[in-house]
Amino acid sequence: MFQKDFFKLTALYTLGIIIIFYICWVFLQMALPEAELDLVQTLSTAFGINLPDSMELKTDTEERMFYVVLIIAGLSIALIVLNVFFSAIITARFIRPKVKFLTSSRGVLSTTWNPTTPYMLVRMSNFYGADLVDVNINVVMTVEEVRQSGAGTEQFMCYLPVQDFTPQRILVMEQRTPWSLAVPADILLGNSLTKNYHFKPGKPIVASFSAGKKIISVKRTLQILVQGTDARSYSHFVIHRRIPIDEQDGNKYVLHLHKGSFKSLPLRIEDESDLEKVVD
């Protein structure tokens, strides 16, 4: 919750307040020597602390003077910290609200979405209290490999951008309307490292994305980045989701996608769990 910058800025802010206050007090003493301004009296007036009129404000000893000034300064610093902290919370909550954009925790490997091409589907919906506009979606697939390297092993992660998915942009994402993100599940992916990585989940993984490498274990994940604008506050939001695809350890292959399809839903859903409903 707390970061180094928070303490640094708060300390600088507090130090600045103390220095400015002290300089003002010194200048007032120079300008109005007849007022005989006392530091304790000035502090109590500045921070609204009402001391009894019958109380002698000039302290008897330097030690007592030190404790009085320390107490008043400590309380003022605490108020400054409280103000800075809660101002940050209010700014984060109201100026940059927490958009409730949800996706299914599990994807579906479907052959019925498009009879000619298998697709990996992810359900998503806006459960926030306002519409989301100009929603842009980016998708990459990450491949984490543990592979043979001489007498030992090495770990490597590769990012493979996905281009042919839909929808890539949603003009207006209304509240509680279900959407299906569709990613082709039989395509060639590539980046600067490899040009023809065959992505076809549902079958054992035999080839590494690096030519000539022997894989020991591999894990593939769909990474989804959603960006858009909240229509209520006109603030920008960024949301990241991970959907596990499959993994293989030796000869053991595990598909994390559900083979089938998502359950048909109405144009407006009430329960968040509806995004998880699937059929065989």
Protein backbone atom coordinates (compact mmCIF):
# COMPACT_ATOMS: atom_id res chain seq x y z
CA MET A 1 0.00 0.00 0.00
CA PHE A 2 2.77 2.45 0.98
CA GLN A 3 5.56 3.23 -1.45
CA LYS A 4 8.94 4.90 -1.03
CA ASP A 5 7.76 7.91 -3.05
CA PHE A 6 4.87 8.42 -0.60
CA PHE A 7 7.19 8.71 2.41
CA LYS A 8 9.68 10.82 0.46
CA LEU A 9 7.09 13.32 -0.76
CA THR A 10 5.39 13.46 2.64
CA ALA A 11 8.73 14.11 4.38
CA LEU A 12 9.64 16.88 1.93
CA TYR A 13 6.17 18.39 2.27
CA THR A 14 6.41 18.34 6.08
CA LEU A 15 9.92 19.77 6.09
CA GLY A 16 8.81 22.56 3.76
CA ILE A 17 5.87 23.45 6.04
CA ILE A 18 8.14 23.58 9.11
CA ILE A 19 10.80 25.74 7.39
CA ILE A 20 8.23 28.15 5.96
CA PHE A 21 6.49 28.45 9.33
CA TYR A 22 9.76 29.10 11.15
CA ILE A 23 10.88 31.72 8.61
CA CYS A 24 7.52 33.49 8.93
CA TRP A 25 7.84 33.51 12.71
CA VAL A 26 11.38 34.95 12.53
CA PHE A 27 10.30 37.67 10.10
CA LEU A 28 7.30 38.55 12.28
CA GLN A 29 9.58 38.87 15.29
CA MET A 30 11.82 41.22 13.32
CA ALA A 31 8.91 43.27 11.96
CA LEU A 32 6.94 43.39 15.20
CA PRO A 33 9.43 43.23 18.09
CA GLU A 34 6.96 44.96 20.38
CA ALA A 35 4.55 42.02 20.04
CA GLU A 36 7.07 39.72 21.75
CA LEU A 37 5.78 36.72 19.81
CA ASP A 38 6.28 33.46 21.65
CA LEU A 39 6.90 30.31 19.59
CA VAL A 40 4.41 28.21 21.56
CA GLN A 41 1.74 30.91 21.32
CA THR A 42 2.34 31.27 17.58
CA LEU A 43 2.16 27.49 17.04
CA SER A 44 -1.02 27.13 19.07
CA THR A 45 -2.67 29.98 17.15
CA ALA A 46 -1.58 28.61 13.76
CA PHE A 47 -2.98 25.13 14.47
CA GLY A 48 -6.13 26.26 16.26
CA ILE A 49 -5.18 25.00 19.72
CA ASN A 50 -6.99 27.14 22.31
CA LEU A 51 -4.90 27.44 25.43
CA PRO A 52 -6.54 28.98 28.54
CA ASP A 53 -6.08 32.75 28.82
CA SER A 54 -4.96 32.38 32.41
CA MET A 55 -2.17 30.00 31.41
CA GLU A 56 1.31 31.44 31.23
CA LEU A 57 2.48 30.65 27.69
CA LYS A 58 6.13 31.34 28.33
CA THR A 59 7.59 28.06 29.53
CA ASP A 60 9.75 27.78 32.62
CA THR A 61 12.49 25.57 31.21
CA GLU A 62 13.97 24.77 27.84
CA GLU A 63 13.02 21.10 28.30
CA ARG A 64 9.37 21.97 28.79
CA MET A 65 9.53 24.30 25.80
CA PHE A 66 10.98 21.48 23.70
CA TYR A 67 8.19 19.02 24.66
CA VAL A 68 5.41 21.52 23.95
CA VAL A 69 6.83 22.39 20.54
CA LEU A 70 7.42 18.68 19.80
CA ILE A 71 3.81 17.76 20.64
CA ILE A 72 2.31 20.53 18.52
CA ALA A 73 4.72 19.82 15.62
CA GLY A 74 4.02 16.08 15.87
CA LEU A 75 0.26 16.61 15.70
CA SER A 76 0.62 18.96 12.73
CA ILE A 77 2.82 16.44 10.89
CA ALA A 78 0.28 13.68 11.57
CA LEU A 79 -2.46 15.86 10.10
CA ILE A 80 -0.32 16.53 7.02
CA VAL A 81 0.33 12.78 6.52
CA LEU A 82 -3.36 11.99 6.99
CA ASN A 83 -4.34 14.67 4.50
CA VAL A 84 -1.83 13.47 1.88
CA PHE A 85 -2.79 9.80 2.33
CA PHE A 86 -6.55 10.26 2.11
CA SER A 87 -6.26 12.76 -0.72
CA ALA A 88 -4.43 10.06 -2.67
CA ILE A 89 -7.17 7.52 -1.87
CA ILE A 90 -9.92 9.92 -2.94
CA THR A 91 -8.06 10.68 -6.17
CA ALA A 92 -7.57 6.98 -6.93
CA ARG A 93 -11.17 6.07 -6.16
CA PHE A 94 -13.06 8.90 -7.82
CA ILE A 95 -10.79 10.28 -10.53
CA ARG A 96 -9.48 6.83 -11.54
CA PRO A 97 -12.27 4.44 -10.54
CA LYS A 98 -11.79 0.69 -10.40
CA VAL A 99 -13.49 -0.56 -13.56
CA LYS A 100 -15.09 -3.98 -13.14
CA PHE A 101 -14.20 -5.64 -16.42
CA LEU A 102 -14.48 -9.43 -16.04
CA THR A 103 -13.44 -12.40 -18.14
CA SER A 104 -14.03 -16.10 -17.70
CA SER A 105 -11.21 -17.74 -15.76
CA ARG A 106 -11.12 -20.54 -18.32
CA GLY A 107 -11.19 -20.53 -22.10
CA VAL A 108 -13.11 -22.81 -24.44
CA LEU A 109 -11.72 -24.73 -27.42
CA SER A 110 -14.60 -24.63 -29.88
CA THR A 111 -15.09 -26.22 -33.30
CA THR A 112 -18.63 -24.87 -33.65
CA TRP A 113 -17.87 -21.14 -33.47
CA ASN A 114 -16.51 -21.40 -37.01
CA PRO A 115 -16.94 -24.85 -38.62
CA THR A 116 -13.86 -24.40 -40.82
CA THR A 117 -11.42 -23.28 -38.09
CA PRO A 118 -11.15 -24.16 -34.38
CA TYR A 119 -11.24 -21.14 -32.09
CA MET A 120 -10.25 -20.46 -28.52
CA LEU A 121 -12.99 -18.43 -26.85
CA VAL A 122 -12.90 -16.25 -23.73
CA ARG A 123 -16.08 -14.74 -22.31
CA MET A 124 -15.96 -11.14 -21.09
CA SER A 125 -18.37 -8.50 -19.85
CA ASN A 126 -18.57 -5.08 -18.24
CA PHE A 127 -19.94 -5.27 -14.67
CA TYR A 128 -19.02 -1.66 -13.90
CA GLY A 129 -21.74 0.90 -13.13
CA ALA A 130 -21.24 2.78 -16.41
CA ASP A 131 -20.56 2.03 -20.06
CA LEU A 132 -17.00 1.59 -21.30
CA VAL A 133 -16.17 3.31 -24.58
CA ASP A 134 -13.42 2.92 -27.18
CA VAL A 135 -12.32 -0.41 -25.71
CA ASN A 136 -9.19 -1.77 -27.44
CA ILE A 137 -7.95 -5.33 -26.95
CA ASN A 138 -4.47 -6.71 -27.55
CA VAL A 139 -3.62 -10.40 -27.34
CA VAL A 140 -0.29 -12.23 -27.14
CA MET A 141 0.53 -15.82 -26.35
CA THR A 142 3.39 -16.54 -23.97
CA VAL A 143 5.30 -19.79 -24.17
CA GLU A 144 7.41 -20.74 -21.13
CA GLU A 145 9.87 -23.52 -21.84
CA VAL A 146 12.31 -25.56 -19.80
CA ARG A 147 14.63 -27.15 -22.31
CA GLN A 148 17.85 -29.08 -22.68
CA SER A 149 21.01 -26.98 -22.81
CA GLY A 150 24.17 -29.06 -22.98
CA ALA A 151 24.44 -31.10 -19.79
CA GLY A 152 21.92 -28.90 -17.97
CA THR A 153 18.66 -27.06 -18.56
CA GLU A 154 17.58 -23.50 -19.33
CA GLN A 155 14.35 -21.53 -18.94
CA PHE A 156 13.02 -19.26 -21.64
CA MET A 157 9.85 -17.25 -22.27
CA CYS A 158 8.66 -16.13 -25.68
CA TYR A 159 5.94 -13.60 -26.58
CA LEU A 160 4.03 -14.32 -29.78
CA PRO A 161 1.63 -11.57 -30.93
CA VAL A 162 -1.81 -12.68 -32.12
CA GLN A 163 -3.32 -10.64 -34.95
CA ASP A 164 -6.34 -12.52 -36.33
CA PHE A 165 -8.68 -12.34 -33.33
CA THR A 166 -12.03 -10.64 -32.81
CA PRO A 167 -13.13 -8.21 -31.50
CA GLN A 168 -10.06 -5.98 -31.53
CA ARG A 169 -12.08 -2.87 -30.74
CA ILE A 170 -15.46 -2.35 -29.07
CA LEU A 171 -16.93 1.11 -29.63
CA VAL A 172 -19.32 0.95 -26.65
CA MET A 173 -19.27 -1.87 -24.11
CA GLU A 174 -22.59 -1.60 -22.33
CA GLN A 175 -23.19 -2.84 -18.82
CA ARG A 176 -23.59 -6.60 -18.32
CA THR A 177 -23.53 -7.41 -22.04
CA PRO A 178 -21.60 -10.66 -22.73
CA TRP A 179 -18.88 -10.70 -25.37
CA SER A 180 -16.77 -13.55 -26.75
CA LEU A 181 -13.12 -13.00 -27.55
CA ALA A 182 -12.28 -15.41 -30.38
CA VAL A 183 -8.66 -16.41 -31.06
CA PRO A 184 -7.84 -18.86 -33.88
CA ALA A 185 -6.62 -22.20 -32.50
CA ASP A 186 -4.84 -23.48 -35.60
CA ILE A 187 -2.49 -20.76 -36.84
CA LEU A 188 1.16 -19.94 -37.40
CA LEU A 189 2.54 -17.37 -34.99
CA GLY A 190 5.84 -15.58 -35.18
CA ASN A 191 8.18 -12.90 -33.84
CA SER A 192 11.80 -11.94 -34.35
CA LEU A 193 12.94 -15.31 -32.99
CA THR A 194 10.71 -17.61 -35.01
CA LYS A 195 8.43 -17.13 -37.99
CA ASN A 196 6.36 -20.30 -38.11
CA TYR A 197 5.36 -21.47 -34.64
CA HIS A 198 2.38 -23.75 -35.14
CA PHE A 199 -0.19 -23.09 -32.44
CA LYS A 200 -2.75 -25.88 -32.23
CA PRO A 201 -3.89 -26.62 -28.67
CA GLY A 202 -5.34 -30.03 -27.88
CA LYS A 203 -2.36 -32.08 -29.10
CA PRO A 204 0.99 -32.83 -27.42
CA ILE A 205 3.65 -30.17 -27.93
CA VAL A 206 6.62 -31.66 -29.75
CA ALA A 207 8.44 -28.63 -31.16
CA SER A 208 10.16 -25.78 -29.34
CA PHE A 209 9.74 -22.24 -30.61
CA SER A 210 13.55 -22.19 -30.94
CA ALA A 211 14.69 -24.46 -33.77
CA GLY A 212 16.91 -27.32 -32.67
CA LYS A 213 15.99 -27.11 -28.98
CA LYS A 214 14.68 -30.11 -27.04
CA ILE A 215 11.86 -29.19 -24.65
CA ILE A 216 11.48 -30.79 -21.22
CA SER A 217 8.37 -28.92 -20.11
CA VAL A 218 6.30 -26.11 -21.60
CA LYS A 219 3.42 -23.90 -20.51
CA ARG A 220 1.32 -21.69 -22.81
CA THR A 221 -0.84 -18.78 -21.68
CA LEU A 222 -3.05 -16.25 -23.41
CA GLN A 223 -2.27 -12.71 -22.25
CA ILE A 224 -5.07 -10.17 -22.78
CA LEU A 225 -4.62 -6.40 -22.39
CA VAL A 226 -7.79 -4.29 -22.37
CA GLN A 227 -7.69 -0.48 -22.60
CA GLY A 228 -10.51 2.00 -22.82
CA THR A 229 -12.35 4.94 -21.28
CA ASP A 230 -14.90 5.01 -18.49
CA ALA A 231 -17.92 6.95 -19.80
CA ARG A 232 -18.79 8.21 -16.29
CA SER A 233 -15.54 9.95 -15.35
CA TYR A 234 -13.84 10.02 -18.78
CA SER A 235 -10.79 8.40 -17.22
CA HIS A 236 -8.58 5.84 -18.95
CA PHE A 237 -8.28 2.27 -17.66
CA VAL A 238 -5.93 -0.63 -18.37
CA ILE A 239 -6.75 -4.23 -17.41
CA HIS A 240 -4.61 -7.34 -17.81
CA ARG A 241 -5.91 -10.93 -17.82
CA ARG A 242 -4.17 -14.31 -18.10
CA ILE A 243 -5.98 -17.36 -19.51
CA PRO A 244 -4.07 -20.68 -19.23
CA ILE A 245 -4.08 -22.68 -22.47
CA ASP A 246 -2.13 -25.89 -21.93
CA GLU A 247 1.06 -27.34 -20.52
CA GLN A 248 3.25 -30.37 -20.97
CA ASP A 249 5.76 -32.04 -18.67
CA GLY A 250 7.66 -34.77 -20.45
CA ASN A 251 5.02 -36.93 -22.13
CA LYS A 252 2.19 -35.67 -19.90
CA TYR A 253 -0.01 -33.16 -21.73
CA VAL A 254 -2.76 -31.16 -19.97
CA LEU A 255 -5.28 -28.98 -21.83
CA HIS A 256 -6.68 -26.21 -19.61
CA LEU A 257 -9.29 -25.21 -22.18
CA HIS A 258 -12.76 -26.75 -22.11
CA LYS A 259 -13.62 -28.64 -25.28
CA GLY A 260 -17.12 -27.57 -26.26
CA SER A 261 -18.67 -24.12 -26.17
CA PHE A 262 -19.94 -21.45 -23.82
CA LYS A 263 -23.58 -21.57 -22.82
CA SER A 264 -25.81 -19.22 -24.78
CA LEU A 265 -26.60 -16.10 -22.74
CA PRO A 266 -29.19 -13.30 -23.01
CA LEU A 267 -28.13 -9.82 -24.12
CA ARG A 268 -27.95 -8.73 -20.47
CA ILE A 269 -26.68 -10.98 -17.68
CA GLU A 270 -27.18 -10.48 -13.95
CA ASP A 271 -24.73 -12.95 -12.40
CA GLU A 272 -20.97 -12.85 -12.86
CA SER A 273 -20.85 -16.65 -12.75
CA ASP A 274 -22.73 -16.77 -16.07
CA LEU A 275 -19.42 -16.05 -17.79
CA GLU A 276 -18.11 -19.44 -16.64
CA LYS A 277 -21.01 -21.59 -17.88
CA VAL A 278 -20.01 -24.04 -20.59
CA VAL A 279 -21.59 -26.95 -22.47
CA ASP A 280 -19.99 -30.00 -24.09
